[in-house]
Amino acid sequence: MRTKLLVFSLMGLLMSSALYSQTLDEKYTEDVKTIATIIDAYYAVISGASEDPWQFERDNYLHSDTAVITRLDDNGKVDSHTLEAEYIPLLLLPKEDFYEKELKRKVSQFGNMAQVWSAYEVRTKPEIASNIRGLNSIQLHFENGRWFIDSWTTQMETETNTLVTDFLKAE
């Protein structure tokens, strides 16, 4: 009798949580309505204090199923991978305070395609500026009433490669 009661209680709990839980569209629809909101969310999902949970579900929602992430190192060497592969090293290490603050954005949109150039700096405290900076090239498309990130490429600024400084000065 106790087993049946426990089983029915668990089933009721699961059914009620399914009824009252939000779909991903309900939870994150505001993030993908415009280019501005998806880029703001793009930075928000990676930024936070060490005690904040990872926002993988939200980050995954921003990206198309076939999204590609490309990083260029100081020597121009390319490393391309999926969003899931991006998270593997993050999940293996203790989470640290990490904030990406956007410095400047330039958007080009034609029809349902968009290209966003976005300079950012990396901070360990949200209110303290940093000299660790990079530039993102983000490609998006609009489909079914929402924006998707299809790919992004990032490169960090160095003493010999002042891409962020140059981008910030450009009109």
N, C-alpha and C. Protein backbone atom coordinates (compact mmCIF):
# COMPACT_ATOMS: atom_id res chain seq x y z
N MET A 1 0.83 -1.20 0.00
CA MET A 1 0.00 0.00 0.00
C MET A 1 0.87 1.26 0.00
N ARG A 2 1.93 1.26 0.82
CA ARG A 2 2.82 2.42 0.87
C ARG A 2 3.51 2.62 -0.48
N THR A 3 3.85 1.52 -1.13
CA THR A 3 4.50 1.60 -2.44
C THR A 3 3.58 2.24 -3.46
N LYS A 4 2.30 1.80 -3.46
CA LYS A 4 1.34 2.38 -4.40
C LYS A 4 1.15 3.87 -4.14
N LEU A 5 1.07 4.23 -2.88
CA LEU A 5 0.90 5.63 -2.52
C LEU A 5 2.11 6.44 -2.98
N LEU A 6 3.29 5.90 -2.78
CA LEU A 6 4.51 6.57 -3.20
C LEU A 6 4.55 6.73 -4.73
N VAL A 7 4.19 5.68 -5.45
CA VAL A 7 4.17 5.72 -6.91
C VAL A 7 3.17 6.76 -7.40
N PHE A 8 1.96 6.76 -6.85
CA PHE A 8 0.96 7.74 -7.26
C PHE A 8 1.38 9.16 -6.89
N SER A 9 2.01 9.32 -5.76
CA SER A 9 2.49 10.64 -5.37
C SER A 9 3.56 11.14 -6.34
N LEU A 10 4.49 10.28 -6.70
CA LEU A 10 5.54 10.66 -7.64
C LEU A 10 4.96 10.97 -9.02
N MET A 11 4.01 10.15 -9.46
CA MET A 11 3.37 10.40 -10.75
C MET A 11 2.64 11.74 -10.74
N GLY A 12 1.94 12.01 -9.66
CA GLY A 12 1.23 13.28 -9.54
C GLY A 12 2.19 14.46 -9.54
N LEU A 13 3.30 14.31 -8.86
CA LEU A 13 4.31 15.36 -8.83
C LEU A 13 4.88 15.61 -10.22
N LEU A 14 5.22 14.55 -10.92
CA LEU A 14 5.76 14.68 -12.27
C LEU A 14 4.75 15.30 -13.22
N MET A 15 3.50 14.87 -13.13
CA MET A 15 2.47 15.41 -14.01
C MET A 15 2.20 16.88 -13.72
N SER A 16 2.16 17.24 -12.46
CA SER A 16 1.88 18.64 -12.13
C SER A 16 3.05 19.52 -12.50
N SER A 17 4.28 19.04 -12.36
CA SER A 17 5.42 19.86 -12.76
C SER A 17 5.45 20.03 -14.27
N ALA A 18 5.04 19.01 -15.01
CA ALA A 18 4.97 19.12 -16.47
C ALA A 18 3.89 20.11 -16.88
N LEU A 19 2.78 20.12 -16.17
CA LEU A 19 1.69 21.04 -16.50
C LEU A 19 2.06 22.49 -16.22
N TYR A 20 2.83 22.71 -15.16
CA TYR A 20 3.13 24.07 -14.74
C TYR A 20 4.50 24.57 -15.19
N SER A 21 5.30 23.71 -15.80
CA SER A 21 6.61 24.17 -16.25
C SER A 21 6.46 24.91 -17.58
N GLN A 22 7.34 25.87 -17.77
CA GLN A 22 7.30 26.66 -18.99
C GLN A 22 8.05 25.93 -20.11
N THR A 23 7.60 26.16 -21.32
CA THR A 23 8.36 25.66 -22.47
C THR A 23 9.55 26.60 -22.67
N LEU A 24 10.52 26.14 -23.46
CA LEU A 24 11.66 27.00 -23.75
C LEU A 24 11.22 28.27 -24.46
N ASP A 25 10.26 28.14 -25.37
CA ASP A 25 9.75 29.33 -26.06
C ASP A 25 9.16 30.33 -25.07
N GLU A 26 8.44 29.84 -24.08
CA GLU A 26 7.85 30.74 -23.08
C GLU A 26 8.93 31.38 -22.23
N LYS A 27 9.95 30.62 -21.88
CA LYS A 27 11.01 31.13 -21.00
C LYS A 27 11.91 32.14 -21.69
N TYR A 28 12.23 31.90 -22.96
CA TYR A 28 13.28 32.68 -23.61
C TYR A 28 12.84 33.46 -24.84
N THR A 29 11.55 33.56 -25.08
CA THR A 29 11.06 34.23 -26.29
C THR A 29 11.52 35.68 -26.39
N GLU A 30 11.62 36.37 -25.27
CA GLU A 30 12.05 37.78 -25.29
C GLU A 30 13.50 37.90 -25.74
N ASP A 31 14.31 36.86 -25.47
CA ASP A 31 15.73 36.89 -25.83
C ASP A 31 15.95 36.89 -27.34
N VAL A 32 15.01 36.39 -28.11
CA VAL A 32 15.25 36.17 -29.54
C VAL A 32 14.34 37.00 -30.45
N LYS A 33 13.66 37.99 -29.89
CA LYS A 33 12.73 38.81 -30.68
C LYS A 33 13.44 39.75 -31.64
N THR A 34 14.57 40.30 -31.22
CA THR A 34 15.29 41.27 -32.04
C THR A 34 16.78 40.93 -32.02
N ILE A 35 17.51 41.54 -32.93
CA ILE A 35 18.97 41.36 -32.94
C ILE A 35 19.54 41.90 -31.63
N ALA A 36 19.05 43.04 -31.18
CA ALA A 36 19.55 43.63 -29.93
C ALA A 36 19.34 42.70 -28.75
N THR A 37 18.15 42.10 -28.64
CA THR A 37 17.88 41.25 -27.46
C THR A 37 18.67 39.95 -27.52
N ILE A 38 18.89 39.39 -28.71
CA ILE A 38 19.64 38.13 -28.76
C ILE A 38 21.13 38.37 -28.46
N ILE A 39 21.66 39.50 -28.89
CA ILE A 39 23.07 39.80 -28.58
C ILE A 39 23.22 40.12 -27.09
N ASP A 40 22.27 40.84 -26.51
CA ASP A 40 22.31 41.07 -25.06
C ASP A 40 22.27 39.74 -24.31
N ALA A 41 21.41 38.83 -24.73
CA ALA A 41 21.31 37.52 -24.08
C ALA A 41 22.58 36.71 -24.30
N TYR A 42 23.19 36.83 -25.47
CA TYR A 42 24.44 36.15 -25.80
C TYR A 42 25.52 36.48 -24.76
N TYR A 43 25.61 37.73 -24.37
CA TYR A 43 26.58 38.12 -23.34
C TYR A 43 26.10 37.75 -21.93
N ALA A 44 24.82 37.81 -21.70
CA ALA A 44 24.28 37.52 -20.36
C ALA A 44 24.48 36.06 -19.97
N VAL A 45 24.37 35.13 -20.93
CA VAL A 45 24.44 33.71 -20.57
C VAL A 45 25.82 33.29 -20.10
N ILE A 46 26.86 33.95 -20.56
CA ILE A 46 28.22 33.57 -20.17
C ILE A 46 28.69 34.34 -18.93
N SER A 47 28.03 35.44 -18.62
CA SER A 47 28.46 36.31 -17.54
C SER A 47 27.78 35.97 -16.23
N GLY A 48 28.55 36.06 -15.14
CA GLY A 48 27.95 35.85 -13.83
C GLY A 48 28.97 35.51 -12.77
N ALA A 49 28.49 35.50 -11.54
CA ALA A 49 29.33 35.16 -10.40
C ALA A 49 29.55 33.65 -10.33
N SER A 50 30.56 33.25 -9.59
CA SER A 50 30.91 31.83 -9.50
C SER A 50 29.76 31.00 -8.93
N GLU A 51 28.93 31.58 -8.10
CA GLU A 51 27.83 30.80 -7.51
C GLU A 51 26.59 30.75 -8.42
N ASP A 52 26.58 31.54 -9.48
CA ASP A 52 25.46 31.50 -10.43
C ASP A 52 25.52 30.22 -11.26
N PRO A 53 24.39 29.60 -11.52
CA PRO A 53 24.41 28.38 -12.34
C PRO A 53 24.73 28.71 -13.80
N TRP A 54 25.33 27.74 -14.50
CA TRP A 54 25.53 27.89 -15.93
C TRP A 54 24.16 28.02 -16.59
N GLN A 55 24.08 28.78 -17.66
CA GLN A 55 22.82 28.98 -18.38
C GLN A 55 22.85 28.25 -19.73
N PHE A 56 23.23 26.98 -19.71
CA PHE A 56 23.37 26.23 -20.95
C PHE A 56 22.05 26.13 -21.71
N GLU A 57 20.96 25.89 -21.01
CA GLU A 57 19.66 25.77 -21.68
C GLU A 57 19.32 27.05 -22.45
N ARG A 58 19.52 28.17 -21.81
CA ARG A 58 19.23 29.47 -22.45
C ARG A 58 20.19 29.73 -23.61
N ASP A 59 21.46 29.45 -23.39
CA ASP A 59 22.46 29.64 -24.44
C ASP A 59 22.15 28.77 -25.66
N ASN A 60 21.80 27.53 -25.40
CA ASN A 60 21.45 26.60 -26.48
C ASN A 60 20.24 27.11 -27.26
N TYR A 61 19.29 27.72 -26.57
CA TYR A 61 18.08 28.25 -27.22
C TYR A 61 18.42 29.39 -28.18
N LEU A 62 19.45 30.15 -27.88
CA LEU A 62 19.84 31.27 -28.73
C LEU A 62 20.42 30.81 -30.06
N HIS A 63 21.03 29.64 -30.06
CA HIS A 63 21.77 29.14 -31.22
C HIS A 63 20.93 28.21 -32.09
N SER A 64 21.23 28.19 -33.39
CA SER A 64 20.62 27.20 -34.28
C SER A 64 21.22 25.83 -33.96
N ASP A 65 20.55 24.78 -34.40
CA ASP A 65 21.02 23.42 -34.10
C ASP A 65 22.39 23.12 -34.68
N THR A 66 22.76 23.81 -35.73
CA THR A 66 24.04 23.54 -36.40
C THR A 66 25.06 24.66 -36.17
N ALA A 67 24.90 25.43 -35.12
CA ALA A 67 25.79 26.56 -34.86
C ALA A 67 27.24 26.11 -34.71
N VAL A 68 28.14 26.94 -35.23
CA VAL A 68 29.57 26.67 -35.17
C VAL A 68 30.25 27.82 -34.45
N ILE A 69 31.17 27.46 -33.55
CA ILE A 69 31.95 28.45 -32.81
C ILE A 69 33.39 28.34 -33.30
N THR A 70 33.97 29.47 -33.64
CA THR A 70 35.35 29.48 -34.13
C THR A 70 36.16 30.47 -33.30
N ARG A 71 37.31 30.01 -32.87
CA ARG A 71 38.25 30.86 -32.13
C ARG A 71 39.54 30.96 -32.93
N LEU A 72 40.08 32.17 -33.00
CA LEU A 72 41.38 32.38 -33.62
C LEU A 72 42.36 32.71 -32.52
N ASP A 73 43.49 31.98 -32.46
CA ASP A 73 44.47 32.27 -31.41
C ASP A 73 45.41 33.39 -31.87
N ASP A 74 46.40 33.71 -31.04
CA ASP A 74 47.32 34.82 -31.33
C ASP A 74 48.05 34.64 -32.65
N ASN A 75 48.25 33.39 -33.07
CA ASN A 75 48.96 33.10 -34.32
C ASN A 75 48.02 32.93 -35.50
N GLY A 76 46.73 33.13 -35.29
CA GLY A 76 45.76 32.96 -36.37
C GLY A 76 45.30 31.53 -36.57
N LYS A 77 45.71 30.63 -35.67
CA LYS A 77 45.28 29.23 -35.77
C LYS A 77 43.79 29.16 -35.43
N VAL A 78 43.06 28.35 -36.21
CA VAL A 78 41.61 28.25 -36.09
C VAL A 78 41.21 27.01 -35.30
N ASP A 79 40.27 27.18 -34.38
CA ASP A 79 39.64 26.06 -33.67
C ASP A 79 38.13 26.24 -33.79
N SER A 80 37.48 25.33 -34.52
CA SER A 80 36.02 25.38 -34.69
C SER A 80 35.38 24.19 -34.01
N HIS A 81 34.23 24.42 -33.38
CA HIS A 81 33.54 23.35 -32.67
C HIS A 81 32.07 23.73 -32.45
N THR A 82 31.33 22.83 -31.83
CA THR A 82 29.91 23.05 -31.53
C THR A 82 29.74 23.78 -30.21
N LEU A 83 28.52 24.20 -29.93
CA LEU A 83 28.21 24.83 -28.65
C LEU A 83 28.44 23.86 -27.50
N GLU A 84 28.03 22.61 -27.68
CA GLU A 84 28.22 21.61 -26.62
C GLU A 84 29.70 21.45 -26.29
N ALA A 85 30.55 21.42 -27.32
CA ALA A 85 31.99 21.29 -27.10
C ALA A 85 32.56 22.52 -26.39
N GLU A 86 31.94 23.67 -26.58
CA GLU A 86 32.36 24.89 -25.89
C GLU A 86 32.19 24.75 -24.38
N TYR A 87 31.15 24.05 -23.96
CA TYR A 87 30.85 23.93 -22.53
C TYR A 87 31.65 22.85 -21.82
N ILE A 88 32.17 21.85 -22.52
CA ILE A 88 32.85 20.74 -21.87
C ILE A 88 33.98 21.22 -20.96
N PRO A 89 34.94 22.04 -21.44
CA PRO A 89 36.00 22.47 -20.52
C PRO A 89 35.47 23.34 -19.37
N LEU A 90 34.42 24.11 -19.63
CA LEU A 90 33.86 24.95 -18.57
C LEU A 90 33.28 24.12 -17.43
N LEU A 91 32.63 23.02 -17.79
CA LEU A 91 31.99 22.18 -16.78
C LEU A 91 32.98 21.33 -15.99
N LEU A 92 34.18 21.17 -16.51
CA LEU A 92 35.19 20.36 -15.82
C LEU A 92 35.95 21.14 -14.76
N LEU A 93 35.88 22.45 -14.82
CA LEU A 93 36.60 23.30 -13.88
C LEU A 93 35.63 24.01 -12.95
N PRO A 94 36.11 24.42 -11.76
CA PRO A 94 35.22 25.21 -10.89
C PRO A 94 34.86 26.53 -11.58
N LYS A 95 33.62 26.94 -11.43
CA LYS A 95 33.16 28.19 -12.05
C LYS A 95 33.76 29.37 -11.30
N GLU A 96 34.21 30.35 -12.05
CA GLU A 96 34.78 31.57 -11.48
C GLU A 96 33.92 32.76 -11.88
N ASP A 97 34.09 33.87 -11.15
CA ASP A 97 33.41 35.10 -11.54
C ASP A 97 33.93 35.48 -12.93
N PHE A 98 33.02 35.71 -13.85
CA PHE A 98 33.40 35.98 -15.23
C PHE A 98 32.31 36.82 -15.88
N TYR A 99 32.71 37.93 -16.46
CA TYR A 99 31.75 38.83 -17.09
C TYR A 99 32.31 39.30 -18.43
N GLU A 100 31.51 39.21 -19.46
CA GLU A 100 31.86 39.81 -20.74
C GLU A 100 30.99 41.05 -20.89
N LYS A 101 31.65 42.20 -21.00
CA LYS A 101 30.94 43.47 -21.16
C LYS A 101 31.14 43.96 -22.59
N GLU A 102 30.02 44.14 -23.27
CA GLU A 102 30.10 44.62 -24.64
C GLU A 102 30.52 46.09 -24.65
N LEU A 103 31.47 46.42 -25.53
CA LEU A 103 31.98 47.78 -25.64
C LEU A 103 31.38 48.54 -26.82
N LYS A 104 31.15 47.83 -27.92
CA LYS A 104 30.60 48.46 -29.12
C LYS A 104 30.02 47.38 -30.02
N ARG A 105 28.96 47.73 -30.73
CA ARG A 105 28.28 46.79 -31.63
C ARG A 105 28.02 47.48 -32.97
N LYS A 106 28.25 46.73 -34.03
CA LYS A 106 27.91 47.21 -35.38
C LYS A 106 27.12 46.11 -36.07
N VAL A 107 25.90 46.45 -36.52
CA VAL A 107 24.98 45.47 -37.11
C VAL A 107 24.75 45.79 -38.58
N SER A 108 24.83 44.75 -39.41
CA SER A 108 24.43 44.84 -40.82
C SER A 108 23.35 43.79 -41.04
N GLN A 109 22.19 44.22 -41.53
CA GLN A 109 21.08 43.29 -41.77
C GLN A 109 20.57 43.45 -43.19
N PHE A 110 20.39 42.31 -43.85
CA PHE A 110 19.78 42.27 -45.17
C PHE A 110 18.78 41.14 -45.16
N GLY A 111 17.49 41.48 -45.28
CA GLY A 111 16.45 40.46 -45.24
C GLY A 111 16.48 39.73 -43.91
N ASN A 112 16.53 38.42 -43.97
CA ASN A 112 16.52 37.59 -42.76
C ASN A 112 17.91 37.19 -42.29
N MET A 113 18.94 37.88 -42.80
CA MET A 113 20.32 37.60 -42.39
C MET A 113 20.89 38.82 -41.69
N ALA A 114 21.75 38.56 -40.71
CA ALA A 114 22.41 39.67 -40.03
C ALA A 114 23.84 39.27 -39.66
N GLN A 115 24.69 40.27 -39.67
CA GLN A 115 26.08 40.14 -39.25
C GLN A 115 26.30 41.17 -38.15
N VAL A 116 26.81 40.72 -37.01
CA VAL A 116 27.06 41.62 -35.89
C VAL A 116 28.55 41.57 -35.54
N TRP A 117 29.18 42.73 -35.56
CA TRP A 117 30.54 42.88 -35.02
C TRP A 117 30.37 43.40 -33.60
N SER A 118 31.03 42.78 -32.65
CA SER A 118 30.84 43.16 -31.25
C SER A 118 32.16 43.08 -30.49
N ALA A 119 32.63 44.23 -30.03
CA ALA A 119 33.83 44.28 -29.20
C ALA A 119 33.42 44.12 -27.74
N TYR A 120 34.26 43.42 -26.98
CA TYR A 120 33.93 43.16 -25.58
C TYR A 120 35.20 43.15 -24.74
N GLU A 121 35.01 43.27 -23.43
CA GLU A 121 36.12 43.06 -22.51
C GLU A 121 35.71 42.02 -21.49
N VAL A 122 36.71 41.31 -20.98
CA VAL A 122 36.50 40.26 -19.99
C VAL A 122 36.83 40.84 -18.62
N ARG A 123 35.90 40.65 -17.69
CA ARG A 123 36.09 41.17 -16.33
C ARG A 123 35.89 40.05 -15.31
N THR A 124 36.50 40.22 -14.15
CA THR A 124 36.24 39.30 -13.04
C THR A 124 35.29 39.92 -12.03
N LYS A 125 35.11 41.24 -12.11
CA LYS A 125 34.10 41.95 -11.32
C LYS A 125 33.37 42.86 -12.29
N PRO A 126 32.03 42.85 -12.25
CA PRO A 126 31.28 43.59 -13.28
C PRO A 126 31.57 45.08 -13.34
N GLU A 127 31.97 45.67 -12.21
CA GLU A 127 32.14 47.12 -12.17
C GLU A 127 33.58 47.57 -12.43
N ILE A 128 34.53 46.63 -12.57
CA ILE A 128 35.93 47.00 -12.75
C ILE A 128 36.37 46.68 -14.18
N ALA A 129 36.79 47.74 -14.90
CA ALA A 129 37.22 47.59 -16.29
C ALA A 129 38.47 46.71 -16.38
N SER A 130 38.71 46.21 -17.59
CA SER A 130 39.80 45.28 -17.83
C SER A 130 40.48 45.64 -19.14
N ASN A 131 41.71 45.17 -19.31
CA ASN A 131 42.38 45.37 -20.60
C ASN A 131 42.39 44.08 -21.42
N ILE A 132 41.64 43.08 -20.99
CA ILE A 132 41.49 41.84 -21.75
C ILE A 132 40.27 42.02 -22.65
N ARG A 133 40.54 42.15 -23.96
CA ARG A 133 39.46 42.48 -24.88
C ARG A 133 39.49 41.58 -26.11
N GLY A 134 38.32 41.45 -26.72
CA GLY A 134 38.22 40.64 -27.93
C GLY A 134 37.16 41.19 -28.86
N LEU A 135 37.10 40.58 -30.05
CA LEU A 135 36.12 40.99 -31.06
C LEU A 135 35.38 39.76 -31.54
N ASN A 136 34.06 39.84 -31.55
CA ASN A 136 33.20 38.76 -32.05
C ASN A 136 32.63 39.14 -33.40
N SER A 137 32.56 38.16 -34.28
CA SER A 137 31.83 38.26 -35.54
C SER A 137 30.70 37.25 -35.43
N ILE A 138 29.46 37.73 -35.35
CA ILE A 138 28.31 36.86 -35.06
C ILE A 138 27.35 36.88 -36.26
N GLN A 139 27.02 35.69 -36.75
CA GLN A 139 26.10 35.57 -37.88
C GLN A 139 24.77 35.03 -37.38
N LEU A 140 23.67 35.66 -37.84
CA LEU A 140 22.34 35.28 -37.39
C LEU A 140 21.39 35.14 -38.58
N HIS A 141 20.30 34.41 -38.33
CA HIS A 141 19.22 34.39 -39.31
C HIS A 141 17.89 34.46 -38.57
N PHE A 142 16.86 34.96 -39.28
CA PHE A 142 15.52 35.10 -38.73
C PHE A 142 14.62 34.06 -39.38
N GLU A 143 13.93 33.29 -38.54
CA GLU A 143 13.06 32.21 -39.02
C GLU A 143 11.98 31.95 -37.98
N ASN A 144 10.77 31.69 -38.44
CA ASN A 144 9.65 31.36 -37.54
C ASN A 144 9.47 32.38 -36.42
N GLY A 145 9.61 33.65 -36.77
CA GLY A 145 9.34 34.72 -35.81
C GLY A 145 10.41 34.97 -34.78
N ARG A 146 11.64 34.47 -35.01
CA ARG A 146 12.70 34.67 -34.02
C ARG A 146 14.07 34.66 -34.69
N TRP A 147 15.05 35.19 -33.98
CA TRP A 147 16.44 35.19 -34.44
C TRP A 147 17.18 33.98 -33.88
N PHE A 148 18.12 33.47 -34.66
CA PHE A 148 19.02 32.38 -34.25
C PHE A 148 20.46 32.81 -34.51
N ILE A 149 21.36 32.44 -33.61
CA ILE A 149 22.79 32.60 -33.86
C ILE A 149 23.25 31.36 -34.61
N ASP A 150 23.79 31.55 -35.82
CA ASP A 150 24.27 30.44 -36.63
C ASP A 150 25.75 30.16 -36.40
N SER A 151 26.51 31.20 -36.14
CA SER A 151 27.93 31.01 -35.87
C SER A 151 28.49 32.27 -35.23
N TRP A 152 29.61 32.07 -34.56
CA TRP A 152 30.36 33.22 -34.10
C TRP A 152 31.84 32.87 -34.09
N THR A 153 32.61 33.89 -34.44
CA THR A 153 34.07 33.78 -34.47
C THR A 153 34.61 34.85 -33.55
N THR A 154 35.61 34.49 -32.75
CA THR A 154 36.16 35.45 -31.81
C THR A 154 37.68 35.44 -31.87
N GLN A 155 38.26 36.61 -31.65
CA GLN A 155 39.71 36.75 -31.57
C GLN A 155 40.01 37.78 -30.49
N MET A 156 41.01 37.48 -29.69
CA MET A 156 41.40 38.38 -28.61
C MET A 156 42.40 39.41 -29.12
N GLU A 157 42.35 40.58 -28.51
CA GLU A 157 43.30 41.64 -28.83
C GLU A 157 44.64 41.31 -28.17
N THR A 158 45.73 41.63 -28.85
CA THR A 158 47.07 41.46 -28.29
C THR A 158 47.85 42.75 -28.50
N GLU A 159 49.08 42.79 -27.98
CA GLU A 159 49.91 43.98 -28.18
C GLU A 159 50.19 44.22 -29.66
N THR A 160 50.30 43.14 -30.42
CA THR A 160 50.62 43.27 -31.84
C THR A 160 49.38 43.26 -32.73
N ASN A 161 48.23 42.91 -32.18
CA ASN A 161 46.99 42.87 -32.96
C ASN A 161 45.94 43.68 -32.20
N THR A 162 45.81 44.93 -32.58
CA THR A 162 44.94 45.86 -31.85
C THR A 162 43.54 45.94 -32.47
N LEU A 163 42.99 44.77 -32.80
CA LEU A 163 41.71 44.75 -33.51
C LEU A 163 40.59 45.44 -32.74
N VAL A 164 40.53 45.33 -31.43
CA VAL A 164 39.46 45.98 -30.67
C VAL A 164 39.66 47.50 -30.67
N THR A 165 40.88 47.94 -30.43
CA THR A 165 41.18 49.37 -30.47
C THR A 165 40.81 49.95 -31.83
N ASP A 166 41.18 49.25 -32.89
CA ASP A 166 40.86 49.70 -34.25
C ASP A 166 39.34 49.73 -34.46
N PHE A 167 38.64 48.71 -34.00
CA PHE A 167 37.18 48.64 -34.15
C PHE A 167 36.49 49.76 -33.37
N LEU A 168 36.96 50.04 -32.15
CA LEU A 168 36.36 51.09 -31.34
C LEU A 168 36.53 52.46 -31.98
N LYS A 169 37.64 52.67 -32.68
CA LYS A 169 37.90 53.95 -33.33
C LYS A 169 37.11 54.12 -34.63
N ALA A 170 36.79 53.01 -35.27
CA ALA A 170 36.09 53.06 -36.56
C ALA A 170 34.65 53.53 -36.37
N GLU A 171 34.11 54.15 -37.43
CA GLU A 171 32.72 54.58 -37.37
C GLU A 171 31.76 53.47 -37.52
